[in-house]
Protein backbone atom coordinates (compact mmCIF):
# COMPACT_ATOMS: atom_id res chain seq x y z
CA UNK A 1 -20.07 -36.13 95.28
CA UNK A 2 -17.35 -38.78 95.42
CA UNK A 3 -14.45 -37.98 97.76
CA UNK A 4 -11.03 -39.46 96.95
CA UNK A 5 -10.71 -40.48 100.58
CA UNK A 6 -13.73 -42.72 100.07
CA UNK A 7 -12.03 -44.28 97.04
CA UNK A 8 -8.94 -45.00 99.15
CA UNK A 9 -11.00 -46.59 101.90
CA UNK A 10 -12.71 -48.78 99.34
CA UNK A 11 -9.55 -50.01 97.59
CA UNK A 12 -7.51 -50.11 100.84
CA UNK A 13 -5.91 -47.03 102.35
CA UNK A 14 -2.84 -48.88 103.67
CA UNK A 15 -2.79 -52.24 101.99
CA UNK A 16 0.01 -54.16 100.31
CA UNK A 17 0.31 -51.60 97.52
CA UNK A 18 0.74 -48.68 99.93
CA UNK A 19 3.33 -50.59 101.94
CA UNK A 20 5.30 -51.44 98.81
CA UNK A 21 5.21 -47.90 97.44
CA UNK A 22 6.22 -46.47 100.83
CA UNK A 23 9.15 -48.87 100.99
CA UNK A 24 10.21 -48.16 97.41
CA UNK A 25 10.00 -44.40 97.73
CA UNK A 26 11.69 -44.39 101.16
CA UNK A 27 14.78 -46.39 100.23
CA UNK A 28 16.51 -43.48 98.39
CA UNK A 29 16.37 -41.57 101.68
CA UNK A 30 18.77 -44.22 102.98
CA UNK A 31 21.28 -43.18 100.31
CA UNK A 32 20.91 -39.43 100.72
CA UNK A 33 23.14 -38.98 103.84
CA UNK A 34 25.98 -40.68 102.00
CA UNK A 35 25.98 -37.83 99.49
CA UNK A 36 27.47 -35.66 102.25
CA UNK A 37 30.44 -38.01 102.76
CA UNK A 38 32.85 -36.50 100.25
CA UNK A 39 32.90 -33.10 101.97
CA UNK A 40 32.00 -34.20 105.49
CA UNK A 41 34.63 -36.90 106.12
CA UNK A 42 37.76 -34.88 105.43
CA UNK A 43 40.80 -33.66 107.31
CA UNK A 44 40.70 -29.93 106.72
CA UNK A 45 44.32 -29.44 107.83
CA UNK A 46 46.23 -32.66 107.11
CA UNK A 47 49.93 -33.10 107.82
CA UNK A 48 51.78 -32.12 104.67
CA UNK A 49 54.66 -30.30 103.07
CA UNK A 50 55.30 -28.82 99.65
CA UNK A 51 56.38 -31.13 96.88
CA UNK A 52 60.05 -30.25 96.32
CA UNK A 53 61.09 -32.98 93.93
CA UNK A 54 62.66 -30.30 91.74
CA UNK A 55 65.90 -30.69 93.70
CA UNK A 56 66.15 -34.37 92.72
CA UNK A 57 67.21 -33.31 89.24
CA UNK A 58 70.39 -31.94 90.82
CA UNK A 59 70.90 -34.84 93.25
CA UNK A 60 68.75 -37.93 92.60
CA UNK A 61 70.18 -39.81 95.59
CA UNK A 62 69.17 -37.33 98.29
CA UNK A 63 67.50 -38.81 101.35
CA UNK A 64 64.04 -37.56 102.24
CA UNK A 65 65.32 -35.84 105.39
CA UNK A 66 68.09 -34.03 103.52
CA UNK A 67 65.69 -33.02 100.72
CA UNK A 68 63.31 -31.43 103.21
CA UNK A 69 66.13 -29.65 105.09
CA UNK A 70 67.42 -28.08 101.89
CA UNK A 71 64.10 -27.08 100.32
CA UNK A 72 61.68 -26.20 103.13
CA UNK A 73 61.80 -23.32 105.63
CA UNK A 74 61.02 -24.01 109.26
CA UNK A 75 58.30 -22.46 111.39
CA UNK A 76 58.82 -20.90 114.82
CA UNK A 77 58.20 -24.24 116.53
CA UNK A 78 60.92 -25.91 114.46
CA UNK A 79 58.65 -27.92 112.17
CA UNK A 80 58.69 -27.65 108.41
CA UNK A 81 56.35 -25.11 106.85
CA UNK A 82 53.13 -26.60 105.44
CA UNK A 83 52.46 -23.88 102.89
CA UNK A 84 55.86 -22.41 101.95
CA UNK A 85 58.98 -23.69 100.22
CA UNK A 86 62.28 -22.29 99.04
CA UNK A 87 62.07 -21.04 95.46
CA UNK A 88 63.61 -23.52 93.00
CA UNK A 89 67.02 -22.52 91.58
CA UNK A 90 69.14 -23.79 88.71
CA UNK A 91 72.17 -24.62 90.88
CA UNK A 92 74.14 -27.77 91.42
CA UNK A 93 73.74 -29.58 94.73
CA UNK A 94 77.10 -28.46 96.11
CA UNK A 95 76.20 -24.78 95.63
CA UNK A 96 72.83 -25.34 97.32
CA UNK A 97 74.52 -27.01 100.30
CA UNK A 98 77.19 -24.32 100.54
CA UNK A 99 75.12 -21.17 100.19
CA UNK A 100 71.65 -22.43 101.14
CA UNK A 101 68.34 -21.07 99.88
CA UNK A 102 66.67 -17.97 101.31
CA UNK A 103 63.87 -16.88 98.97
CA UNK A 104 60.55 -18.51 99.82
CA UNK A 105 57.43 -18.98 97.74
CA UNK A 106 54.14 -20.83 97.87
CA UNK A 107 53.94 -24.49 96.93
CA UNK A 108 54.31 -24.64 93.15
CA UNK A 109 53.85 -28.33 92.35
CA UNK A 110 51.39 -29.48 94.97
CA UNK A 111 51.82 -31.13 98.34
CA UNK A 112 52.93 -34.41 99.82
CA UNK A 113 50.51 -35.69 102.48
CA UNK A 114 51.29 -38.13 105.27
CA UNK A 115 49.81 -39.60 108.47
CA UNK A 116 46.34 -39.44 106.94
CA UNK A 117 43.16 -40.75 108.55
CA UNK A 118 41.82 -41.39 105.03
CA UNK A 119 43.43 -42.78 101.91
CA UNK A 120 42.07 -39.96 99.76
CA UNK A 121 39.70 -37.03 100.25
CA UNK A 122 38.71 -34.02 98.19
CA UNK A 123 41.23 -32.05 100.25
CA UNK A 124 44.16 -34.20 99.11
CA UNK A 125 42.93 -34.84 95.56
CA UNK A 126 42.22 -31.18 94.81
CA UNK A 127 44.81 -29.65 97.20
CA UNK A 128 42.26 -27.69 99.23
CA UNK A 129 44.81 -26.46 101.76
CA UNK A 130 46.55 -23.23 102.69
CA UNK A 131 44.94 -20.39 100.69
CA UNK A 132 42.23 -22.82 99.48
CA UNK A 133 41.42 -24.24 102.91
CA UNK A 134 37.93 -22.71 102.91
CA UNK A 135 36.93 -24.57 99.76
CA UNK A 136 35.54 -27.49 101.78
CA UNK A 137 32.96 -25.15 103.28
CA UNK A 138 32.30 -23.80 99.79
CA UNK A 139 31.60 -27.36 98.62
CA UNK A 140 29.09 -27.73 101.46
CA UNK A 141 27.43 -24.48 100.41
CA UNK A 142 27.24 -25.56 96.77
CA UNK A 143 25.59 -28.87 97.70
CA UNK A 144 23.05 -27.17 99.97
CA UNK A 145 22.40 -24.58 97.27
CA UNK A 146 21.58 -27.50 94.99
CA UNK A 147 19.11 -28.83 97.55
CA UNK A 148 17.58 -25.38 97.73
CA UNK A 149 17.33 -25.08 93.93
CA UNK A 150 15.87 -28.57 93.62
CA UNK A 151 13.15 -27.75 96.14
CA UNK A 152 12.33 -24.55 94.29
CA UNK A 153 12.22 -26.19 90.84
CA UNK A 154 10.69 -29.60 91.46
CA UNK A 155 8.03 -28.41 93.90
CA UNK A 156 5.95 -26.50 91.32
CA UNK A 157 6.95 -29.03 88.64
CA UNK A 158 5.12 -31.79 90.55
CA UNK A 159 1.91 -29.79 90.33
CA UNK A 160 2.29 -29.10 86.61
CA UNK A 161 3.78 -32.34 85.28
CA UNK A 162 2.77 -34.87 87.90
CA UNK A 163 4.25 -36.35 91.04
CA UNK A 164 5.64 -39.38 89.20
CA UNK A 165 7.71 -37.44 86.69
CA UNK A 166 8.91 -35.02 89.36
CA UNK A 167 10.13 -38.05 91.33
CA UNK A 168 11.66 -40.00 88.44
CA UNK A 169 13.70 -37.16 86.96
CA UNK A 170 15.64 -36.49 90.20
CA UNK A 171 16.50 -40.20 90.39
CA UNK A 172 18.01 -40.05 86.89
CA UNK A 173 19.93 -36.88 87.70
CA UNK A 174 21.19 -38.32 90.99
CA UNK A 175 22.52 -41.44 89.26
CA UNK A 176 24.28 -39.58 86.44
CA UNK A 177 25.92 -36.94 88.58
CA UNK A 178 26.80 -39.25 91.48
CA UNK A 179 29.07 -41.00 88.99
CA UNK A 180 30.28 -37.62 87.70
CA UNK A 181 31.24 -36.57 91.23
CA UNK A 182 33.44 -39.65 91.63
CA UNK A 183 35.08 -39.06 88.24
CA UNK A 184 35.67 -35.33 88.73
CA UNK A 185 39.11 -34.37 87.36
CA UNK A 186 39.15 -31.02 89.16
CA UNK A 187 37.35 -29.10 91.86
CA UNK A 188 35.21 -27.06 89.44
CA UNK A 189 33.69 -30.17 87.87
CA UNK A 190 33.22 -31.60 91.35
CA UNK A 191 31.23 -28.57 92.53
CA UNK A 192 28.99 -28.49 89.45
CA UNK A 193 28.26 -32.21 89.83
CA UNK A 194 27.57 -31.83 93.56
CA UNK A 195 25.18 -28.96 92.89
CA UNK A 196 23.17 -31.12 90.49
CA UNK A 197 23.22 -34.07 92.90
CA UNK A 198 21.93 -31.73 95.58
CA UNK A 199 19.19 -30.45 93.28
CA UNK A 200 18.15 -34.03 92.52
CA UNK A 201 18.09 -35.00 96.18
CA UNK A 202 16.11 -31.88 97.11
CA UNK A 203 13.49 -32.57 94.46
CA UNK A 204 13.21 -36.28 95.23
CA UNK A 205 13.01 -35.95 99.00
CA UNK A 206 10.03 -33.63 98.73
CA UNK A 207 8.04 -35.20 95.91
CA UNK A 208 8.51 -38.80 97.02
CA UNK A 209 6.71 -38.03 100.28
CA UNK A 210 3.90 -36.33 98.39
CA UNK A 211 3.52 -39.23 95.96
CA UNK A 212 3.49 -41.81 98.75
CA UNK A 213 1.09 -39.99 101.07
CA UNK A 214 -1.41 -39.23 98.31
CA UNK A 215 -1.97 -42.98 98.03
CA UNK A 216 -2.36 -43.43 101.80
CA UNK A 217 -5.40 -42.82 103.99
CA UNK A 218 -5.45 -39.97 106.49
CA UNK A 219 -5.02 -42.22 109.53
CA UNK A 220 -1.75 -43.73 108.26
CA UNK A 221 -0.05 -40.72 106.73
CA UNK A 222 1.92 -39.89 109.86
CA UNK A 223 3.13 -43.50 110.02
CA UNK A 224 4.24 -43.52 106.39
CA UNK A 225 5.93 -40.13 106.58
CA UNK A 226 7.83 -40.96 109.76
CA UNK A 227 8.87 -44.40 108.54
CA UNK A 228 10.26 -42.87 105.35
CA UNK A 229 12.52 -40.72 107.51
CA UNK A 230 13.70 -43.78 109.42
CA UNK A 231 15.57 -44.73 106.27
CA UNK A 232 17.38 -41.40 106.38
CA UNK A 233 18.33 -42.02 110.02
CA UNK A 234 19.65 -45.48 109.16
CA UNK A 235 21.50 -43.89 106.26
CA UNK A 236 23.31 -41.61 108.71
CA UNK A 237 24.64 -44.66 110.53
CA UNK A 238 25.48 -46.44 107.28
CA UNK A 239 27.41 -43.41 106.01
CA UNK A 240 29.70 -43.58 109.03
CA UNK A 241 30.24 -47.30 108.46
CA UNK A 242 30.86 -46.83 104.74
CA UNK A 243 33.61 -44.26 105.17
CA UNK A 244 35.09 -46.13 108.14
CA UNK A 245 35.49 -49.22 105.96
CA UNK A 246 36.41 -47.42 102.73
CA UNK A 247 38.72 -44.46 103.28
CA UNK A 248 38.81 -43.41 99.60
CA UNK A 249 36.07 -40.90 98.77
CA UNK A 250 35.93 -41.83 95.08
CA UNK A 251 35.36 -45.53 95.81
CA UNK A 252 32.67 -44.59 98.33
CA UNK A 253 31.06 -42.37 95.71
CA UNK A 254 30.86 -45.27 93.22
CA UNK A 255 29.20 -47.43 95.88
CA UNK A 256 26.61 -44.68 96.38
CA UNK A 257 26.08 -44.58 92.62
CA UNK A 258 25.49 -48.35 92.73
CA UNK A 259 22.65 -47.79 95.19
CA UNK A 260 21.25 -45.09 92.92
CA UNK A 261 21.34 -47.58 90.04
CA UNK A 262 19.15 -49.97 92.05
CA UNK A 263 16.62 -47.17 92.61
CA UNK A 264 16.76 -46.27 88.91
CA UNK A 265 15.75 -49.83 87.97
CA UNK A 266 12.51 -49.92 89.96
CA UNK A 267 11.36 -46.28 90.08
CA UNK A 268 9.61 -46.63 86.70
CA UNK A 269 7.17 -49.18 88.16
CA UNK A 270 5.74 -46.74 90.69
CA UNK A 271 2.45 -45.32 89.33
CA UNK A 272 1.27 -41.75 89.18
CA UNK A 273 -0.91 -40.31 91.91
CA UNK A 274 -4.53 -41.04 91.01
CA UNK A 275 -5.54 -38.00 93.01
CA UNK A 276 -3.42 -35.76 90.78
CA UNK A 277 -4.72 -37.45 87.62
CA UNK A 278 -8.32 -36.81 88.66
CA UNK A 279 -7.62 -33.13 89.30
CA UNK A 280 -6.12 -32.90 85.81
CA UNK A 281 -9.20 -34.44 84.23
CA UNK A 282 -7.40 -37.70 83.30
CA UNK A 283 -10.20 -39.85 84.64
CA UNK A 284 -9.68 -42.93 82.49
CA UNK A 285 -6.00 -43.21 83.36
CA UNK A 286 -6.85 -42.74 87.04
CA UNK A 287 -9.49 -45.49 86.83
CA UNK A 288 -6.99 -47.99 85.42
CA UNK A 289 -4.47 -47.27 88.15
CA UNK A 290 -7.11 -47.43 90.89
CA UNK A 291 -8.30 -50.82 89.61
CA UNK A 292 -4.72 -52.16 89.61
CA UNK A 293 -4.19 -50.91 93.15
CA UNK A 294 -7.42 -52.55 94.27
CA UNK A 295 -6.28 -55.83 92.70
CA UNK A 296 -2.94 -55.69 94.54
CA UNK A 297 -4.75 -54.97 97.81
CA UNK A 298 -7.27 -57.74 96.99
CA UNK A 299 -10.20 -55.37 97.10
CA UNK A 300 -13.18 -55.11 94.78
CA UNK A 301 -14.05 -51.78 93.19
CA UNK A 302 -17.83 -51.08 93.06
CA UNK A 303 -19.00 -50.35 89.54
CA UNK A 304 -20.53 -47.00 90.48
CA UNK A 305 -17.57 -45.76 92.54
CA UNK A 306 -15.82 -44.01 89.67
CA UNK A 307 -18.87 -43.14 87.62
CA UNK A 308 -19.73 -39.96 89.49
CA UNK A 309 -18.50 -37.09 87.32
CA UNK A 310 -19.13 -34.53 90.02
CA UNK A 311 -15.82 -35.40 91.69
CA UNK A 312 -13.90 -34.26 88.67
CA UNK A 313 -15.93 -31.13 88.16
CA UNK A 314 -15.80 -30.06 91.78
CA UNK A 315 -12.04 -30.46 92.05
CA UNK A 316 -10.84 -29.49 88.62
CA UNK A 317 -10.22 -25.92 89.58
CA UNK A 318 -8.16 -26.96 92.57
CA UNK A 319 -5.33 -28.04 90.33
CA UNK A 320 -4.69 -24.40 89.59
CA UNK A 321 -2.33 -23.34 92.34
CA UNK A 322 -2.28 -19.75 93.51
CA UNK A 323 0.75 -19.03 95.65
CA UNK A 324 0.89 -16.13 98.06
CA UNK A 325 4.62 -15.50 97.94
CA UNK A 326 4.59 -13.09 100.87
CA UNK A 327 3.11 -15.78 103.11
CA UNK A 328 6.35 -17.76 102.88
CA UNK A 329 8.40 -15.01 104.47
CA UNK A 330 6.30 -14.58 107.58
CA UNK A 331 7.17 -15.56 111.12
CA UNK A 332 6.56 -19.36 111.01
CA UNK A 333 9.15 -19.76 108.26
CA UNK A 334 11.52 -17.40 110.04
CA UNK A 335 11.41 -19.81 112.96
CA UNK A 336 12.04 -22.69 110.56
CA UNK A 337 15.03 -20.79 109.19
CA UNK A 338 16.55 -20.12 112.61
CA UNK A 339 16.14 -23.74 113.75
CA UNK A 340 17.65 -25.18 110.59
CA UNK A 341 20.52 -22.71 110.88
CA UNK A 342 21.46 -24.28 114.21
CA UNK A 343 20.91 -27.77 112.84
CA UNK A 344 23.19 -27.35 109.83
CA UNK A 345 25.88 -25.59 111.87
CA UNK A 346 26.04 -28.80 113.92
CA UNK A 347 25.47 -31.33 111.15
CA UNK A 348 28.15 -29.94 108.83
CA UNK A 349 30.76 -29.76 111.58
CA UNK A 350 30.52 -33.22 113.13
CA UNK A 351 34.29 -33.59 112.83
CA UNK A 352 34.90 -30.67 115.21
CA UNK A 353 33.28 -32.07 118.35
CA UNK A 354 36.56 -33.44 119.66
CA UNK A 355 35.44 -37.06 119.29
CA UNK A 356 35.88 -39.62 116.54
CA UNK A 357 34.03 -38.34 113.49
CA UNK A 358 32.75 -41.86 112.82
CA UNK A 359 31.30 -42.11 116.32
CA UNK A 360 29.70 -38.67 116.09
CA UNK A 361 28.15 -39.45 112.71
CA UNK A 362 26.83 -42.76 114.01
CA UNK A 363 25.30 -41.02 117.03
CA UNK A 364 23.87 -38.43 114.70
CA UNK A 365 21.84 -41.13 112.97
CA UNK A 366 21.11 -43.54 115.81
CA UNK A 367 19.46 -40.86 117.94
CA UNK A 368 17.06 -40.01 115.13
CA UNK A 369 15.63 -43.53 115.04
CA UNK A 370 13.76 -43.32 118.38
CA UNK A 371 12.84 -39.73 117.55
CA UNK A 372 10.99 -40.77 114.40
CA UNK A 373 9.35 -43.73 116.13
CA UNK A 374 8.18 -41.49 118.95
CA UNK A 375 6.97 -38.98 116.39
CA UNK A 376 4.50 -41.54 115.01
CA UNK A 377 2.84 -41.72 118.41
CA UNK A 378 3.16 -38.04 119.29
CA UNK A 379 1.59 -36.73 116.08
CA UNK A 380 -1.55 -38.78 116.59
CA UNK A 381 -1.90 -38.70 120.39
CA UNK A 382 -0.39 -35.44 121.59
CA UNK A 383 -0.93 -33.46 118.41
CA UNK A 384 1.37 -31.48 116.19
CA UNK A 385 1.41 -28.27 118.19
CA UNK A 386 2.17 -29.77 121.61
CA UNK A 387 4.79 -32.19 120.33
CA UNK A 388 6.44 -29.36 118.43
CA UNK A 389 6.56 -27.06 121.46
CA UNK A 390 7.81 -29.76 123.84
CA UNK A 391 10.68 -30.89 121.62
CA UNK A 392 11.74 -27.31 120.88
CA UNK A 393 11.80 -26.50 124.61
CA UNK A 394 13.81 -29.62 125.44
CA UNK A 395 16.33 -29.03 122.68
CA UNK A 396 16.63 -25.32 123.44
CA UNK A 397 17.27 -25.93 127.14
CA UNK A 398 20.04 -28.43 126.39
CA UNK A 399 21.61 -25.98 123.93
CA UNK A 400 21.71 -23.35 126.68
CA UNK A 401 23.26 -25.81 129.11
CA UNK A 402 26.31 -26.14 126.86
CA UNK A 403 27.27 -22.57 127.80
CA UNK A 404 27.93 -23.72 131.36
CA UNK A 405 30.75 -26.05 130.31
CA UNK A 406 34.02 -25.13 128.62
CA UNK A 407 35.35 -27.18 125.76
CA UNK A 408 36.92 -30.44 126.90
CA UNK A 409 35.10 -30.67 130.23
CA UNK A 410 32.75 -33.51 131.06
CA UNK A 411 32.99 -35.50 127.82
CA UNK A 412 30.08 -37.74 128.81
CA UNK A 413 27.86 -34.69 129.14
CA UNK A 414 28.88 -33.48 125.70
CA UNK A 415 28.00 -36.80 124.11
CA UNK A 416 24.58 -36.80 125.74
CA UNK A 417 24.07 -33.16 124.90
CA UNK A 418 24.98 -33.72 121.27
CA UNK A 419 22.55 -36.60 120.85
CA UNK A 420 19.70 -34.57 122.30
CA UNK A 421 20.51 -31.65 120.02
CA UNK A 422 20.49 -33.93 117.00
CA UNK A 423 17.26 -35.51 118.19
CA UNK A 424 15.45 -32.20 118.33
CA UNK A 425 15.77 -30.95 114.73
CA UNK A 426 14.80 -34.27 113.19
CA UNK A 427 11.72 -34.46 115.39
CA UNK A 428 10.89 -30.87 114.55
CA UNK A 429 11.24 -31.26 110.81
CA UNK A 430 8.76 -34.14 110.72
CA UNK A 431 6.26 -32.19 112.75
CA UNK A 432 6.68 -29.21 110.47
CA UNK A 433 6.19 -31.29 107.37
CA UNK A 434 3.04 -32.91 108.74
CA UNK A 435 1.65 -29.60 109.87
CA UNK A 436 2.37 -27.84 106.57
CA UNK A 437 1.08 -30.66 104.37
CA UNK A 438 -1.92 -32.00 106.21
CA UNK A 439 -3.02 -29.37 108.69
CA UNK A 440 -5.91 -28.37 106.44
CA UNK A 441 -7.55 -30.36 103.61
CA UNK A 442 -7.44 -27.40 101.28
CA UNK A 443 -3.63 -27.38 101.53
CA UNK A 444 -3.43 -30.86 100.11
CA UNK A 445 -3.80 -29.59 96.57
CA UNK A 446 -0.87 -27.22 97.06
CA UNK A 447 1.45 -29.67 98.82
CA UNK A 448 4.28 -29.77 96.26
CA UNK A 449 4.38 -26.00 95.88
CA UNK A 450 4.25 -25.32 99.59
CA UNK A 451 6.82 -28.02 100.36
CA UNK A 452 9.03 -26.48 97.69
CA UNK A 453 8.96 -23.08 99.33
CA UNK A 454 9.22 -24.47 102.86
CA UNK A 455 12.19 -26.66 101.91
CA UNK A 456 13.79 -23.73 100.09
CA UNK A 457 13.43 -21.49 103.14
CA UNK A 458 14.79 -24.13 105.50
CA UNK A 459 17.69 -25.10 103.23
CA UNK A 460 18.63 -21.45 102.80
CA UNK A 461 19.68 -21.59 106.44
CA UNK A 462 22.08 -24.40 105.52
CA UNK A 463 23.75 -22.12 102.99
CA UNK A 464 23.99 -19.34 105.57
CA UNK A 465 25.45 -21.75 108.17
CA UNK A 466 28.58 -22.03 106.01
CA UNK A 467 29.13 -18.27 106.15
CA UNK A 468 28.62 -18.30 109.93
CA UNK A 469 31.33 -20.94 110.22
CA UNK A 470 33.72 -19.06 107.89
CA UNK A 471 33.32 -15.81 109.85
CA UNK A 472 33.90 -17.74 113.08
CA UNK A 473 37.16 -19.17 111.69
CA UNK A 474 38.33 -15.75 110.48
CA UNK A 475 37.52 -14.20 113.85
CA UNK A 476 39.56 -16.85 115.68
CA UNK A 477 42.47 -16.30 113.29
CA UNK A 478 42.43 -12.57 113.96
CA UNK A 479 42.62 -13.23 117.69
């Protein structure tokens, strides 16, 4: 019986073709962190006041200071209210100056923003302030819900329709709706577009790894998987640089769409997984692809290598995936849920560490680079279980140490602590993926389905992390 691993060893299990396909499928991971920019790099409570230009119809020559004094109430500390204004009246300017205005109302015609860190954000463009101040967290939830939905939909789709199609379709969706996000005229359109971008990213992230590793020999799969995540780590750093240089979220969104266009141009040249084709009985198509791969790797295919029909017969039934749904809600995935909950609570609140958000985001990415490189060695030498346990212990101990320091004390410690915390989840996720995908050969035929459920369970914690943050904010307000 012919084993597909033997075919890979014959045509080259990590030759030029595998290196090219790994590079091509990994590059979109570089763009993925930038998709968080529009709702991550914001000022949730910018300096502002209600737009009160209504009074200019009565006195066009009013100075800004006089306009604000006549139309805005003051807070207890003497500053102008950020969310209230005096109700407009149909009086002349002399009557307004003589009698003053007493009745207050919410801002009726928007806000005027000033002293901004950014030129434009979704907060200022869609007026997500005052009674809509929690909408930024809602946007985060919508995007993560899209990631969750994409993992749920495209995981089984890869088993039914092929890894190639399940990778190409998310690229198309990501390109279309990345542009739609930047062109959103209102917050509702923005959220729908972000949900679909999230779904595309969730489906691509999962199936691209499957497609790449199914072309790679067993000894190099850890290398390829970890290197693909290096692009995501570099993307974290690049996202900080992008927003630091371009403070307008719409312009940044169009630049991201430009990167998606580059991916769209070459993704059609990446072939289908020959392993999947053979399990579907598409032997002739698989033969043609295998011969092309061998030519790229400068290997010769023996004439009798693909003539053995027993391979197809012995594996045909393995393409039928039987999923034990209850198995995905047992303890291992509960642990995945709890860890990702802590990860997303940190990752989605990088602007609240008391440091420059650009510095924090850069540290977020730069600390993942050595983690992924170390992971390549640890997975092969130490093993999945030991490396998993050691990193969880290290990260957990540092998390507990934060309780010994109040906010604002020992800033150097907090920087070091933060980098270690960010190091731990990235290292863990790679170990989890390797363990779930390649721990047993029989799991290989269920990889897309299992990754779909595993990703869905982990990303569900990201959705819950938003609610944890909202309840925390409400609790602090009540105090």
